[in-house]
Amino acid sequence: MALYNNHIGNPKVRVARNGVLSFFLLVFALATLFPIYFMLISSLGDPVEAGAVNYSLLPGKITLDSFVFFFQYSKYSYRWILNSLVVAGSITVTNVLFATMAGYAFSKVRFKGRALLFTILLAAMMIPYQVTQVPLYILVVNMFQMENTYTALILPSLVTVYNIFLAKQFMGSIPNEIIESAKVEGASQFMIFFRVIVPLSKTVMAVIAILTFMDSWNTFFWPLLVTKTMDMQTIQVGLKNFRFANTTYFSPMMAGATISALPMFILFFSLQRYFLEGVTVGAVKG
């Protein structure tokens, strides 16, 4: 029995089925977009305390005062955005470079212990993120004394196992004959990587860049652990400064959240072609 039946001989069944599918897809889309919509209309309200906010699904008043309040509230508001750009940008560049190099080595370079090392990396990927936070914090803060620095924010995420796995699976589909031809011409491994592999791997590199930047930009827990002063906080951690023991500046906080979400929208819509091409990278070989 086919998984999907067009019901060519029964138009009523086809219309009913398509109507049900469209309804559930519309409900899912609304549920997904509603938090974004609520964030936007909340950010356009007056910058008053949470107790005075009039919660509504329709904007009663549209003003940009909350955005002005966000930047005037703290002299570090611009610094939070800069810190996020520096950290997320650095982590993205290092992941694209190191993950593709490691993926090339695991997929095309034969060396002793390759299978064992890759198995260990895959096993490390199975360890929950929360489990590694305590030993990682002890290493970074207590042993290496890197607290409240860009190094502490960037170093633990220089490259991830998932990105290495993604690059390896993609590069495994590149024909070995191309590499052998380059070797016959006298090319070294670095020349093969940068002049042959990299041009053929733009899709997976773009996917790694998008996913890594989004993950690094949205990270909250690790920057909260390793930063002590407001000038080193990222935008996600800085937003918590709008919440106090007795009240919360809700609209300015939503304005900051909207500002922090803008790079994600810009990045995704500018590179969505690569993202859509790469969502199945590594799933199908050949």
Protein backbone atom coordinates (compact mmCIF):
# COMPACT_ATOMS: atom_id res chain seq x y z
CA MET A 1 0.00 0.00 0.00
CA ALA A 2 1.42 3.35 -0.99
CA LEU A 3 2.30 5.79 1.76
CA TYR A 4 0.77 8.66 -0.21
CA ASN A 5 -2.29 8.16 -2.45
CA ASN A 6 -3.39 10.85 -4.88
CA HIS A 7 -7.00 9.57 -4.98
CA ILE A 8 -7.15 10.42 -8.65
CA GLY A 9 -10.48 8.64 -9.12
CA ASN A 10 -12.16 10.26 -6.12
CA PRO A 11 -11.90 14.07 -6.13
CA LYS A 12 -14.01 14.48 -2.98
CA VAL A 13 -11.65 12.33 -0.94
CA ARG A 14 -8.67 14.22 -2.32
CA VAL A 15 -10.21 17.60 -1.48
CA ALA A 16 -11.18 16.45 2.03
CA ARG A 17 -7.70 15.08 2.67
CA ASN A 18 -6.00 18.23 1.41
CA GLY A 19 -8.32 20.35 3.54
CA VAL A 20 -7.47 18.41 6.70
CA LEU A 21 -3.73 18.57 5.96
CA SER A 22 -3.92 22.30 5.23
CA PHE A 23 -5.80 22.91 8.49
CA PHE A 24 -3.22 21.12 10.62
CA LEU A 25 -0.35 22.82 8.78
CA LEU A 26 -2.00 26.21 9.35
CA VAL A 27 -2.46 25.49 13.06
CA PHE A 28 1.17 24.40 13.33
CA ALA A 29 2.36 27.53 11.50
CA LEU A 30 0.29 29.81 13.76
CA ALA A 31 1.59 28.06 16.89
CA THR A 32 5.15 28.50 15.63
CA LEU A 33 4.79 32.16 14.65
CA PHE A 34 2.71 33.29 17.63
CA PRO A 35 5.67 33.77 20.05
CA ILE A 36 7.41 35.91 17.42
CA TYR A 37 4.25 37.94 16.86
CA PHE A 38 3.73 38.44 20.60
CA MET A 39 7.36 39.53 21.01
CA LEU A 40 6.97 42.12 18.25
CA ILE A 41 3.71 43.66 19.50
CA SER A 42 5.03 43.67 23.07
CA SER A 43 8.20 45.49 22.01
CA LEU A 44 6.08 48.27 20.48
CA GLY A 45 4.44 49.11 23.82
CA ASP A 46 5.33 51.75 26.38
CA PRO A 47 8.44 51.11 28.52
CA VAL A 48 6.58 50.61 31.79
CA GLU A 49 6.90 48.01 34.54
CA ALA A 50 5.34 44.59 33.98
CA GLY A 51 2.55 45.27 36.44
CA ALA A 52 1.37 48.19 34.34
CA VAL A 53 1.53 46.40 30.99
CA ASN A 54 -1.78 45.85 29.23
CA TYR A 55 -1.40 42.42 27.67
CA SER A 56 -3.29 42.15 24.39
CA LEU A 57 -3.08 40.19 21.17
CA LEU A 58 -3.63 43.39 19.19
CA PRO A 59 -1.36 46.45 19.57
CA GLY A 60 -3.29 49.23 21.29
CA LYS A 61 -0.48 51.72 20.75
CA ILE A 62 2.57 51.56 18.51
CA THR A 63 5.67 53.34 19.76
CA LEU A 64 9.44 52.87 19.58
CA ASP A 65 10.01 54.18 23.11
CA SER A 66 10.87 50.70 24.40
CA PHE A 67 13.70 50.39 21.86
CA VAL A 68 15.02 53.79 22.93
CA PHE A 69 14.71 52.73 26.59
CA PHE A 70 16.66 49.53 25.86
CA PHE A 71 19.67 51.44 24.54
CA GLN A 72 19.47 54.22 27.13
CA TYR A 73 18.90 51.93 30.11
CA SER A 74 22.51 50.75 30.22
CA LYS A 75 25.69 52.10 28.70
CA TYR A 76 26.58 48.50 27.88
CA SER A 77 23.60 47.84 25.58
CA TYR A 78 25.71 48.31 22.45
CA ARG A 79 28.56 46.35 24.05
CA TRP A 80 26.25 43.34 24.58
CA ILE A 81 25.47 43.24 20.87
CA LEU A 82 29.16 43.66 19.99
CA ASN A 83 30.14 40.84 22.35
CA SER A 84 27.58 38.52 20.79
CA LEU A 85 28.83 39.36 17.30
CA VAL A 86 32.46 38.76 18.28
CA VAL A 87 31.76 35.48 20.08
CA ALA A 88 29.29 34.05 17.56
CA GLY A 89 31.37 35.20 14.58
CA SER A 90 34.61 33.73 15.97
CA ILE A 91 32.97 30.41 16.85
CA THR A 92 31.38 30.23 13.40
CA VAL A 93 34.68 30.83 11.59
CA THR A 94 36.61 28.28 13.67
CA ASN A 95 33.89 25.65 13.32
CA VAL A 96 33.71 26.04 9.55
CA LEU A 97 37.49 25.79 9.23
CA PHE A 98 38.27 23.04 11.76
CA ALA A 99 35.16 20.94 11.11
CA THR A 100 35.76 20.83 7.36
CA MET A 101 39.45 20.01 7.87
CA ALA A 102 38.59 17.22 10.30
CA GLY A 103 35.81 15.99 8.04
CA TYR A 104 38.25 15.80 5.13
CA ALA A 105 40.78 13.91 7.24
CA PHE A 106 38.24 11.36 8.47
CA SER A 107 36.66 10.82 5.06
CA LYS A 108 39.60 10.93 2.64
CA VAL A 109 42.88 10.58 4.54
CA ARG A 110 43.78 7.06 5.66
CA PHE A 111 45.73 6.93 8.91
CA LYS A 112 46.12 4.45 11.73
CA GLY A 113 43.37 4.64 14.36
CA ARG A 114 41.00 6.68 12.17
CA ALA A 115 37.96 4.49 12.85
CA LEU A 116 38.68 4.32 16.60
CA LEU A 117 39.15 8.08 16.91
CA PHE A 118 35.96 8.79 14.99
CA THR A 119 34.07 6.32 17.19
CA ILE A 120 35.32 8.13 20.29
CA LEU A 121 34.12 11.43 18.84
CA LEU A 122 30.69 9.97 18.14
CA ALA A 123 30.55 8.61 21.69
CA ALA A 124 31.41 12.08 23.01
CA MET A 125 28.53 13.50 20.99
CA MET A 126 26.14 11.27 22.95
CA ILE A 127 27.07 12.91 26.27
CA PRO A 128 24.45 15.50 27.28
CA TYR A 129 25.60 19.12 27.16
CA GLN A 130 24.63 19.71 30.79
CA VAL A 131 26.92 16.92 32.04
CA THR A 132 30.06 18.62 30.75
CA GLN A 133 29.33 22.07 32.18
CA VAL A 134 30.75 21.49 35.67
CA PRO A 135 34.13 20.03 34.60
CA LEU A 136 34.35 22.58 31.79
CA TYR A 137 33.69 25.42 34.22
CA ILE A 138 36.38 24.10 36.60
CA LEU A 139 38.90 23.91 33.75
CA VAL A 140 38.18 27.35 32.31
CA VAL A 141 37.68 29.31 35.55
CA ASN A 142 39.67 27.54 38.26
CA MET A 143 42.59 25.96 36.39
CA PHE A 144 43.22 28.30 33.44
CA GLN A 145 41.92 31.50 35.09
CA MET A 146 40.11 32.68 31.96
CA GLU A 147 36.90 33.90 33.58
CA ASN A 148 35.27 37.03 32.15
CA THR A 149 37.24 36.97 28.89
CA TYR A 150 36.48 36.39 25.23
CA THR A 151 38.69 33.30 25.44
CA ALA A 152 36.38 31.71 28.01
CA LEU A 153 33.37 32.43 25.81
CA ILE A 154 34.93 31.16 22.58
CA LEU A 155 37.42 28.39 23.43
CA PRO A 156 34.99 25.63 24.58
CA SER A 157 33.08 25.89 21.27
CA LEU A 158 35.95 26.14 18.78
CA VAL A 159 34.63 23.06 16.98
CA THR A 160 31.79 20.62 17.67
CA VAL A 161 31.58 16.92 16.98
CA TYR A 162 28.28 17.36 15.17
CA ASN A 163 29.85 19.70 12.62
CA ILE A 164 32.74 17.27 12.09
CA PHE A 165 30.24 14.47 11.53
CA LEU A 166 28.26 16.63 9.11
CA ALA A 167 31.37 17.54 7.12
CA LYS A 168 32.62 13.94 7.03
CA GLN A 169 29.33 12.59 5.73
CA PHE A 170 29.23 15.19 2.97
CA MET A 171 32.85 14.83 1.91
CA GLY A 172 32.49 11.08 1.81
CA SER A 173 30.34 11.56 -1.31
CA ILE A 174 33.12 13.41 -3.17
CA PRO A 175 34.70 11.01 -5.72
CA ASN A 176 38.16 9.78 -4.74
CA GLU A 177 39.25 10.07 -8.38
CA ILE A 178 39.31 13.87 -8.07
CA ILE A 179 41.71 13.68 -5.15
CA GLU A 180 43.88 11.07 -6.85
CA SER A 181 44.14 13.30 -9.91
CA ALA A 182 45.30 16.18 -7.73
CA LYS A 183 47.92 13.94 -6.11
CA VAL A 184 49.22 12.91 -9.53
CA GLU A 185 49.68 16.61 -10.32
CA GLY A 186 51.84 16.89 -7.20
CA ALA A 187 49.37 18.65 -4.91
CA SER A 188 49.88 18.35 -1.15
CA GLN A 189 47.11 17.56 1.29
CA PHE A 190 46.66 21.24 2.14
CA MET A 191 46.51 22.18 -1.55
CA ILE A 192 43.95 19.45 -2.17
CA PHE A 193 41.85 20.63 0.75
CA PHE A 194 41.84 24.34 -0.06
CA ARG A 195 41.77 24.13 -3.88
CA VAL A 196 39.66 21.02 -4.44
CA ILE A 197 37.62 20.10 -1.36
CA VAL A 198 36.62 23.57 -0.17
CA PRO A 199 35.11 24.70 -3.53
CA LEU A 200 33.12 21.45 -3.67
CA SER A 201 31.93 21.79 -0.06
CA LYS A 202 30.37 25.25 -0.08
CA THR A 203 26.92 23.85 0.70
CA VAL A 204 27.91 21.98 3.85
CA MET A 205 30.12 24.88 4.95
CA ALA A 206 27.18 27.26 4.63
CA VAL A 207 24.96 24.90 6.65
CA ILE A 208 27.62 24.60 9.36
CA ALA A 209 27.97 28.40 9.44
CA ILE A 210 24.22 28.99 9.77
CA LEU A 211 23.63 26.38 12.47
CA THR A 212 26.74 27.33 14.45
CA PHE A 213 26.05 31.06 14.38
CA MET A 214 22.45 30.55 15.48
CA ASP A 215 23.47 28.24 18.32
CA SER A 216 26.29 30.52 19.51
CA TRP A 217 24.19 33.68 19.28
CA ASN A 218 21.34 32.16 21.30
CA THR A 219 23.50 30.54 24.00
CA PHE A 220 22.62 31.80 27.47
CA PHE A 221 23.86 29.40 30.14
CA TRP A 222 27.60 29.31 29.39
CA PRO A 223 28.05 33.11 29.02
CA LEU A 224 26.10 33.51 32.25
CA LEU A 225 28.55 31.20 34.03
CA VAL A 226 31.83 32.70 32.85
CA THR A 227 31.03 36.44 32.78
CA LYS A 228 31.16 38.56 35.93
CA THR A 229 30.85 42.13 34.67
CA MET A 230 28.19 43.71 32.46
CA ASP A 231 30.71 44.82 29.86
CA MET A 232 31.51 41.18 28.98
CA GLN A 233 27.94 39.91 28.82
CA THR A 234 26.33 38.88 25.55
CA ILE A 235 22.94 40.19 24.46
CA GLN A 236 21.12 37.08 25.72
CA VAL A 237 22.61 37.48 29.22
CA GLY A 238 22.22 41.24 29.15
CA LEU A 239 18.44 40.94 28.74
CA LYS A 240 18.15 39.54 32.26
CA ASN A 241 19.17 42.94 33.61
CA PHE A 242 15.68 44.21 32.80
CA ARG A 243 14.22 41.87 35.41
CA PHE A 244 14.42 42.74 39.09
CA ALA A 245 13.22 41.14 42.30
CA ASN A 246 9.93 43.02 42.39
CA THR A 247 9.30 44.04 38.80
CA THR A 248 10.29 43.60 35.18
CA TYR A 249 10.56 46.10 32.35
CA PHE A 250 8.64 43.85 30.00
CA SER A 251 8.39 45.92 26.81
CA PRO A 252 12.07 47.02 26.79
CA MET A 253 13.06 43.41 27.42
CA MET A 254 10.94 42.34 24.43
CA ALA A 255 12.51 45.17 22.40
CA GLY A 256 15.95 43.75 23.25
CA ALA A 257 14.77 40.26 22.31
CA THR A 258 13.55 41.60 18.97
CA ILE A 259 16.92 43.24 18.34
CA SER A 260 18.73 40.04 19.27
CA ALA A 261 16.54 38.05 16.87
CA LEU A 262 17.24 40.31 13.87
CA PRO A 263 20.64 38.74 13.00
CA MET A 264 18.99 35.32 12.93
CA PHE A 265 16.33 36.45 10.47
CA ILE A 266 18.88 38.26 8.30
CA LEU A 267 21.27 35.30 8.28
CA PHE A 268 18.62 32.72 7.53
CA PHE A 269 16.80 34.60 4.77
CA SER A 270 20.06 35.61 3.08
CA LEU A 271 21.40 32.04 3.12
CA GLN A 272 18.17 30.06 3.02
CA ARG A 273 19.03 28.60 -0.38
CA TYR A 274 22.12 26.91 1.07
CA PHE A 275 20.22 25.88 4.18
CA LEU A 276 17.41 24.23 2.22
CA GLU A 277 19.95 22.48 -0.01
CA GLY A 278 21.86 21.23 3.00
CA VAL A 279 19.10 20.01 5.31
CA THR A 280 19.67 16.50 3.95
CA VAL A 281 23.47 16.72 3.86
CA GLY A 282 24.88 13.41 5.04
CA ALA A 283 21.51 11.68 4.93
CA VAL A 284 21.88 10.51 1.33
CA LYS A 285 25.17 9.48 -0.12
CA GLY A 286 26.00 9.58 -3.80
